[in-house]
Amino acid sequence: MPLLQDAFRAFHPDLEFVRKFLKPLLIGELAPEEPSLDRSKSSEITEDFRTLKKVAEDMNLFRTNHLFFLLLLVHIVAMESAAWLIVSYFGNGWVPTLVTACVLATSQAQAGWLQHDYGHLSVYKKSKWNHLVHKFVIGHLKGASANWWNHRHFQHHAKPNIFHKDPDIKMLHVFVLGEWQPLEYGRKKLKYLPYNHQHEYFFLIGPPLLIPMYFQYQIIMTMVMRKDWVDLAWAISYYVRFFSTYVPFYGVLGALLFLNFIRFLESHWFVWVTQMNHIVMEIDLDHHRDWFSSQLAATCNVEQSFFNDWFSGHLNFQIEHHLFPTMPRHNLHKIAPLVKSLCAKHGIQYQEKPLLRALLDIIGSLKKSGQLWLDAYLHK
């Protein structure tokens, strides 16, 4: 099965290690006369993509620059230290508190991009070292769960923007996305919220609440319900460190409010960056495309600059990241021209935008989907 094979290879850098886990899962081979979802996929695109990946390997684009990731960690620790120094020297007044919150929100956002690197096994050759450092970054630096993130994020990568398969587009009836969902809701006369205004209430319940409310609740419940005590211990170490640092300045209640304000700020950063590459693209039922085509249909890029790279954790190269999730992010720009060439060869659109345009397109996409819902809802 080409799609599954390409997806499996994309997620596992050490195929020899994981191959032993596959044998017990083999049920049998599909007979040639049996119906298959693979027969509609382009074998030419699949072969060209596999050739491209081999070229990337020959160019050493899966080789890590460890100094790059060390500097990322150092600048996160430096911001954490600077935040404590600010309140220690200037006190807990409104101005130093706001400045400290912005510094810590920046640190949290950058730690989020860094845990993403380790979660994708894109730093070390051995998976166990990636997993260990991943737990440290997402657990001790952010108070979240590595296993929760892996379970959610790999589903997204395998089937991006596919309804019933990608958890990132499971909106719990709060938003309708793409074209199929708003039309489906409209025809069935479903109106949980006034979706024709979703591009407006997005500012109230999207960026402000995702991390401090939804993600935080989901993370804690997942660790407790699954009895994931290791991840819970790592998360507790974050809270112990945070409260022991800031309770002396703000008290228990003040420190709790301070923490949630930091996450409120971080949530804006996270939502805008992660949605500028996906929510504006095709969101539909599964068309069972080949790996290359399915990723290009669901992702777009934002122009490269030093700021854009840092601000988005190199997720401005979302296309290349989705095609090669284990490639260290500092090499994504090197493979981009070859991906563009392959898209041009097969007539596949490769979208790249300025940062501001990408952010504005989020609102435009929500408005368009909301209008589709309204037209279908009012249609007799």
Protein backbone atom coordinates (compact mmCIF):
# COMPACT_ATOMS: atom_id res chain seq x y z
CA MET A 1 0.00 0.00 0.00
CA PRO A 2 1.99 3.06 -1.23
CA LEU A 3 0.32 5.67 0.99
CA LEU A 4 0.76 3.69 4.18
CA GLN A 5 4.29 2.80 3.22
CA ASP A 6 5.25 6.41 2.52
CA ALA A 7 3.54 7.58 5.71
CA PHE A 8 5.28 4.89 7.74
CA ARG A 9 8.66 5.76 6.27
CA ALA A 10 8.05 9.46 6.90
CA PHE A 11 7.49 8.93 10.63
CA HIS A 12 10.20 6.35 11.35
CA PRO A 13 13.84 7.27 10.68
CA ASP A 14 15.13 3.86 11.87
CA LEU A 15 13.23 1.36 9.73
CA GLU A 16 15.32 -1.60 10.82
CA PHE A 17 14.40 -1.02 14.45
CA VAL A 18 10.66 -0.76 13.86
CA ARG A 19 10.49 -3.56 11.31
CA LYS A 20 10.36 -6.20 14.07
CA PHE A 21 7.16 -4.63 15.40
CA LEU A 22 5.47 -5.00 12.01
CA LYS A 23 5.72 -8.78 11.67
CA PRO A 24 3.08 -9.63 14.32
CA LEU A 25 0.72 -7.14 12.65
CA LEU A 26 0.85 -8.73 9.20
CA ILE A 27 -2.50 -10.35 8.44
CA GLY A 28 -1.96 -11.10 4.78
CA GLU A 29 -1.63 -9.66 1.30
CA LEU A 30 -4.55 -8.16 -0.61
CA ALA A 31 -5.45 -10.33 -3.60
CA PRO A 32 -5.02 -8.57 -6.98
CA GLU A 33 -8.73 -8.92 -7.81
CA GLU A 34 -9.85 -7.33 -4.52
CA PRO A 35 -10.90 -3.66 -4.51
CA SER A 36 -8.16 -1.32 -3.33
CA LEU A 37 -8.05 2.37 -2.50
CA ASP A 38 -4.52 2.52 -3.91
CA ARG A 39 -5.42 1.97 -7.54
CA SER A 40 -6.60 5.55 -8.01
CA LYS A 41 -3.30 6.97 -6.79
CA SER A 42 -0.60 8.22 -9.11
CA SER A 43 2.25 5.74 -9.19
CA GLU A 44 4.37 8.27 -11.10
CA ILE A 45 4.05 10.90 -8.36
CA THR A 46 4.77 8.27 -5.72
CA GLU A 47 7.94 7.13 -7.47
CA ASP A 48 9.09 10.71 -8.07
CA PHE A 49 8.57 11.54 -4.39
CA ARG A 50 10.57 8.50 -3.29
CA THR A 51 13.35 9.59 -5.63
CA LEU A 52 13.21 13.06 -4.09
CA LYS A 53 13.54 11.61 -0.61
CA LYS A 54 16.57 9.62 -1.73
CA VAL A 55 18.09 12.85 -3.09
CA ALA A 56 17.43 14.52 0.29
CA GLU A 57 19.21 11.66 2.04
CA ASP A 58 22.17 11.93 -0.36
CA MET A 59 22.32 15.68 0.37
CA ASN A 60 22.54 14.86 4.13
CA LEU A 61 19.40 16.90 4.79
CA PHE A 62 18.38 14.50 7.56
CA ARG A 63 21.64 15.22 9.40
CA THR A 64 21.26 17.44 12.47
CA ASN A 65 23.22 20.55 13.38
CA HIS A 66 23.23 20.02 17.15
CA LEU A 67 24.54 23.52 17.83
CA PHE A 68 21.35 24.90 16.25
CA PHE A 69 19.11 23.05 18.71
CA LEU A 70 21.42 23.80 21.64
CA LEU A 71 21.14 27.53 20.92
CA LEU A 72 17.35 27.22 20.76
CA LEU A 73 17.33 25.63 24.20
CA VAL A 74 19.77 28.22 25.55
CA HIS A 75 17.66 31.14 24.35
CA ILE A 76 14.57 29.58 26.01
CA VAL A 77 16.41 29.16 29.33
CA ALA A 78 17.77 32.71 28.98
CA MET A 79 14.23 34.09 28.65
CA GLU A 80 13.06 32.09 31.66
CA SER A 81 15.96 33.52 33.67
CA ALA A 82 15.36 37.05 32.40
CA ALA A 83 11.72 36.87 33.47
CA TRP A 84 12.70 36.05 37.05
CA LEU A 85 15.34 38.81 37.06
CA ILE A 86 12.77 41.39 35.91
CA VAL A 87 10.35 40.77 38.78
CA SER A 88 13.22 40.34 41.24
CA TYR A 89 14.72 43.72 40.38
CA PHE A 90 11.67 45.81 39.42
CA GLY A 91 9.07 44.18 41.66
CA ASN A 92 5.53 42.97 40.95
CA GLY A 93 3.98 46.19 39.63
CA TRP A 94 1.83 46.23 36.52
CA VAL A 95 4.58 47.19 34.06
CA PRO A 96 7.21 44.62 35.12
CA THR A 97 4.47 41.99 35.39
CA LEU A 98 3.28 42.63 31.83
CA VAL A 99 6.85 42.63 30.51
CA THR A 100 7.60 39.39 32.36
CA ALA A 101 4.43 37.78 31.04
CA CYS A 102 5.41 38.67 27.45
CA VAL A 103 8.90 37.25 27.98
CA LEU A 104 7.51 34.01 29.43
CA ALA A 105 4.87 33.72 26.70
CA THR A 106 7.67 34.03 24.13
CA SER A 107 9.66 31.39 25.99
CA GLN A 108 6.65 29.08 26.08
CA ALA A 109 5.96 29.52 22.36
CA GLN A 110 9.58 28.78 21.47
CA ALA A 111 9.60 25.76 23.80
CA GLY A 112 6.50 24.59 21.95
CA TRP A 113 8.34 24.69 18.63
CA LEU A 114 11.36 22.95 20.19
CA GLN A 115 9.33 20.09 21.68
CA HIS A 116 7.83 19.69 18.21
CA ASP A 117 11.32 18.95 16.85
CA TYR A 118 12.05 16.26 19.42
CA GLY A 119 8.57 14.79 19.11
CA HIS A 120 9.18 14.24 15.41
CA LEU A 121 12.50 12.46 16.15
CA SER A 122 14.29 15.05 14.02
CA VAL A 123 17.22 15.85 16.31
CA TYR A 124 19.02 12.68 17.41
CA LYS A 125 19.65 9.52 15.41
CA LYS A 126 18.43 7.32 18.25
CA SER A 127 14.74 7.60 18.99
CA LYS A 128 15.20 7.07 22.73
CA TRP A 129 17.20 10.30 23.07
CA ASN A 130 14.56 12.24 21.13
CA HIS A 131 11.85 10.79 23.38
CA LEU A 132 13.77 11.61 26.56
CA VAL A 133 14.52 15.23 25.64
CA HIS A 134 10.97 15.58 24.30
CA LYS A 135 9.60 14.71 27.74
CA PHE A 136 11.94 17.22 29.35
CA VAL A 137 10.99 20.09 27.00
CA ILE A 138 7.24 19.52 26.80
CA GLY A 139 6.97 18.31 30.40
CA HIS A 140 9.41 20.33 32.50
CA LEU A 141 9.53 23.47 30.35
CA LYS A 142 5.82 23.54 29.41
CA GLY A 143 3.85 21.37 31.83
CA ALA A 144 2.30 19.23 29.10
CA SER A 145 2.37 15.57 28.04
CA ALA A 146 4.61 14.05 25.37
CA ASN A 147 2.34 11.05 24.87
CA TRP A 148 -0.74 13.28 24.54
CA TRP A 149 1.04 15.35 21.91
CA ASN A 150 2.35 12.35 19.96
CA HIS A 151 -1.03 10.62 19.85
CA ARG A 152 -2.76 13.75 18.60
CA HIS A 153 -0.11 15.17 16.30
CA PHE A 154 0.78 12.03 14.36
CA GLN A 155 -2.87 11.53 13.44
CA HIS A 156 -2.84 15.05 12.06
CA HIS A 157 0.29 14.36 10.00
CA ALA A 158 -1.01 11.09 8.59
CA LYS A 159 -4.32 12.56 7.39
CA PRO A 160 -4.07 16.37 7.49
CA ASN A 161 -7.34 18.27 7.03
CA ILE A 162 -9.34 15.03 6.64
CA PHE A 163 -12.63 14.97 8.53
CA HIS A 164 -13.02 12.15 11.09
CA LYS A 165 -9.25 11.45 10.89
CA ASP A 166 -7.41 14.68 11.73
CA PRO A 167 -8.07 15.72 15.36
CA ASP A 168 -6.91 19.27 14.61
CA ILE A 169 -10.06 19.97 12.60
CA LYS A 170 -12.43 18.42 15.13
CA MET A 171 -14.06 21.69 16.15
CA LEU A 172 -16.80 20.36 18.48
CA HIS A 173 -19.47 22.26 16.49
CA VAL A 174 -17.82 25.60 17.33
CA PHE A 175 -16.60 26.28 13.77
CA VAL A 176 -17.38 24.86 10.33
CA LEU A 177 -14.39 24.46 8.04
CA GLY A 178 -13.72 24.04 4.34
CA GLU A 179 -16.61 23.55 1.93
CA TRP A 180 -18.03 20.11 2.65
CA GLN A 181 -18.73 20.62 6.38
CA PRO A 182 -20.62 23.94 6.17
CA LEU A 183 -22.75 22.62 3.31
CA GLU A 184 -23.45 19.43 5.27
CA TYR A 185 -24.42 21.38 8.40
CA GLY A 186 -26.53 23.77 6.35
CA ARG A 187 -28.47 21.05 4.53
CA LYS A 188 -29.16 19.27 7.84
CA LYS A 189 -30.24 22.60 9.41
CA LEU A 190 -27.59 22.31 12.15
CA LYS A 191 -27.06 25.60 13.98
CA TYR A 192 -25.08 25.13 17.17
CA LEU A 193 -23.71 28.66 16.69
CA PRO A 194 -24.27 31.43 14.13
CA TYR A 195 -21.52 30.19 11.82
CA ASN A 196 -21.94 33.12 9.43
CA HIS A 197 -20.32 35.15 12.24
CA GLN A 198 -17.57 32.65 13.06
CA HIS A 199 -14.89 34.91 11.54
CA GLU A 200 -15.86 37.41 14.24
CA TYR A 201 -16.29 35.22 17.32
CA PHE A 202 -13.06 33.44 16.37
CA PHE A 203 -11.25 36.34 18.07
CA LEU A 204 -13.15 35.69 21.31
CA ILE A 205 -13.02 31.91 21.67
CA GLY A 206 -10.29 30.73 19.28
CA PRO A 207 -6.84 32.18 20.04
CA PRO A 208 -7.63 33.25 23.63
CA LEU A 209 -8.96 29.93 24.93
CA LEU A 210 -7.34 27.03 23.07
CA ILE A 211 -4.31 26.52 25.34
CA PRO A 212 -5.46 27.87 28.74
CA MET A 213 -8.80 26.04 28.62
CA TYR A 214 -9.22 23.28 26.05
CA PHE A 215 -5.66 21.97 25.75
CA GLN A 216 -4.96 22.26 29.46
CA TYR A 217 -8.09 20.32 30.39
CA GLN A 218 -7.44 17.70 27.71
CA ILE A 219 -3.80 17.23 28.74
CA ILE A 220 -4.55 16.73 32.43
CA MET A 221 -7.49 14.40 31.78
CA THR A 222 -5.48 12.34 29.29
CA MET A 223 -2.60 11.80 31.71
CA VAL A 224 -4.92 10.87 34.57
CA MET A 225 -7.32 8.65 32.60
CA ARG A 226 -4.49 6.78 30.88
CA LYS A 227 -2.50 6.59 34.13
CA ASP A 228 0.48 8.15 32.39
CA TRP A 229 2.40 8.77 35.59
CA VAL A 230 5.73 9.48 33.90
CA ASP A 231 4.34 12.36 31.85
CA LEU A 232 2.38 13.55 34.88
CA ALA A 233 5.56 13.66 36.95
CA TRP A 234 7.30 15.73 34.28
CA ALA A 235 4.31 18.12 34.14
CA ILE A 236 4.22 18.43 37.94
CA SER A 237 7.92 19.37 37.89
CA TYR A 238 6.98 22.36 35.71
CA TYR A 239 4.29 23.54 38.12
CA VAL A 240 6.58 23.10 41.13
CA ARG A 241 9.25 25.19 39.42
CA PHE A 242 6.80 27.88 38.29
CA PHE A 243 4.98 28.32 41.58
CA SER A 244 8.13 28.16 43.70
CA THR A 245 9.51 30.95 41.51
CA TYR A 246 6.52 33.29 41.39
CA VAL A 247 4.43 32.63 44.55
CA PRO A 248 6.92 34.73 46.59
CA PHE A 249 6.11 37.70 44.33
CA TYR A 250 2.37 37.23 43.69
CA GLY A 251 1.02 34.78 46.25
CA VAL A 252 -0.72 31.51 45.28
CA LEU A 253 -3.78 33.05 43.64
CA GLY A 254 -1.74 35.75 41.94
CA ALA A 255 0.74 33.20 40.56
CA LEU A 256 -2.16 31.09 39.24
CA LEU A 257 -3.66 34.11 37.48
CA PHE A 258 -0.19 35.02 36.16
CA LEU A 259 0.26 31.53 34.73
CA ASN A 260 -3.08 31.62 32.93
CA PHE A 261 -2.35 35.07 31.53
CA ILE A 262 0.94 33.75 30.11
CA ARG A 263 -0.92 30.86 28.49
CA PHE A 264 -3.55 33.29 27.20
CA LEU A 265 -0.79 35.21 25.40
CA GLU A 266 0.93 32.06 24.15
CA SER A 267 -2.35 30.69 22.86
CA HIS A 268 -2.74 33.61 20.45
CA TRP A 269 0.74 32.98 19.09
CA PHE A 270 0.16 29.24 18.73
CA VAL A 271 -3.26 29.44 17.05
CA TRP A 272 -2.37 32.04 14.45
CA VAL A 273 0.87 30.27 13.45
CA THR A 274 -0.56 26.75 13.27
CA GLN A 275 -3.73 27.74 11.42
CA MET A 276 -2.15 29.95 8.76
CA ASN A 277 -0.82 26.83 6.99
CA HIS A 278 -3.85 24.53 7.27
CA ILE A 279 -7.26 26.11 7.88
CA VAL A 280 -6.98 28.05 4.61
CA MET A 281 -6.35 24.89 2.58
CA GLU A 282 -8.63 22.09 1.38
CA ILE A 283 -10.52 20.48 4.27
CA ASP A 284 -12.63 17.54 3.14
CA LEU A 285 -13.38 13.85 3.38
CA ASP A 286 -10.61 11.42 2.51
CA HIS A 287 -9.95 11.26 -1.23
CA HIS A 288 -7.26 8.59 -0.74
CA ARG A 289 -4.57 10.51 -2.58
CA ASP A 290 -0.91 9.53 -2.69
CA TRP A 291 1.27 10.85 0.15
CA PHE A 292 2.76 13.75 -1.81
CA SER A 293 -0.55 15.02 -3.21
CA SER A 294 -2.40 14.66 0.10
CA GLN A 295 0.17 16.78 1.95
CA LEU A 296 0.24 19.50 -0.73
CA ALA A 297 -3.56 19.75 -0.70
CA ALA A 298 -3.57 20.41 3.06
CA THR A 299 -0.55 22.69 3.56
CA CYS A 300 0.91 25.97 2.37
CA ASN A 301 4.07 27.94 3.15
CA VAL A 302 4.92 31.40 4.40
CA GLU A 303 7.86 33.29 2.94
CA GLN A 304 11.25 32.75 4.51
CA SER A 305 12.97 35.36 6.65
CA PHE A 306 14.94 35.20 9.87
CA PHE A 307 11.94 36.52 11.79
CA ASN A 308 9.41 34.22 10.09
CA ASP A 309 11.63 31.19 10.74
CA TRP A 310 11.99 32.08 14.43
CA PHE A 311 8.41 33.25 14.94
CA SER A 312 6.89 30.07 13.49
CA GLY A 313 9.52 27.55 14.54
CA HIS A 314 10.18 26.99 10.81
CA LEU A 315 6.54 25.97 10.33
CA ASN A 316 6.55 28.56 7.57
CA PHE A 317 7.99 25.56 5.66
CA GLN A 318 4.88 23.53 6.46
CA ILE A 319 4.84 21.78 3.06
CA GLU A 320 8.35 20.43 3.43
CA HIS A 321 7.80 19.61 7.10
CA HIS A 322 4.73 17.53 6.27
CA LEU A 323 6.52 15.70 3.47
CA PHE A 324 9.64 15.05 5.58
CA PRO A 325 8.60 15.28 9.27
CA THR A 326 11.89 13.81 10.56
CA MET A 327 14.03 16.34 8.66
CA PRO A 328 15.70 18.86 11.00
CA ARG A 329 13.93 22.17 10.52
CA HIS A 330 17.12 24.07 9.68
CA ASN A 331 17.33 22.04 6.44
CA LEU A 332 13.74 22.49 5.23
CA HIS A 333 14.60 25.53 3.09
CA LYS A 334 17.21 23.48 1.25
CA ILE A 335 14.72 20.89 -0.01
CA ALA A 336 12.03 23.48 -0.85
CA PRO A 337 13.26 24.24 -4.42
CA LEU A 338 13.20 20.53 -5.29
CA VAL A 339 9.67 20.18 -3.89
CA LYS A 340 8.59 23.16 -6.02
CA SER A 341 10.06 21.51 -9.11
CA LEU A 342 8.21 18.26 -8.43
CA CYS A 343 4.96 20.20 -7.98
CA ALA A 344 5.51 22.02 -11.27
CA LYS A 345 6.22 18.74 -13.07
CA HIS A 346 2.89 17.23 -11.98
CA GLY A 347 0.77 20.38 -12.09
CA ILE A 348 0.29 20.52 -8.30
CA GLN A 349 -0.12 23.96 -6.74
CA TYR A 350 2.66 25.04 -4.36
CA GLN A 351 1.38 27.94 -2.26
CA GLU A 352 3.71 30.41 -0.56
CA LYS A 353 2.55 33.72 0.97
CA PRO A 354 3.77 36.72 2.96
CA LEU A 355 3.19 36.34 6.70
CA LEU A 356 0.51 39.02 6.99
CA ARG A 357 -1.39 37.63 4.01
CA ALA A 358 -1.32 34.15 5.54
CA LEU A 359 -2.72 35.44 8.83
CA LEU A 360 -5.48 37.44 7.14
CA ASP A 361 -6.45 34.42 5.04
CA ILE A 362 -7.48 32.61 8.23
CA ILE A 363 -10.29 35.11 8.75
CA GLY A 364 -11.20 35.06 5.06
CA SER A 365 -11.43 31.27 5.10
CA LEU A 366 -13.69 31.25 8.17
CA LYS A 367 -15.90 33.93 6.63
CA LYS A 368 -16.21 31.99 3.36
CA SER A 369 -17.14 28.75 5.14
CA GLY A 370 -19.63 30.58 7.32
CA GLN A 371 -21.33 32.08 4.29
CA LEU A 372 -21.53 28.65 2.63
CA TRP A 373 -23.27 27.36 5.76
CA LEU A 374 -25.73 30.25 5.81
CA ASP A 375 -26.66 29.83 2.12
CA ALA A 376 -27.24 26.11 2.58
CA TYR A 377 -29.10 26.64 5.88
CA LEU A 378 -31.53 29.18 4.38
CA HIS A 379 -32.06 27.21 1.17
CA LYS A 380 -35.42 25.41 1.16
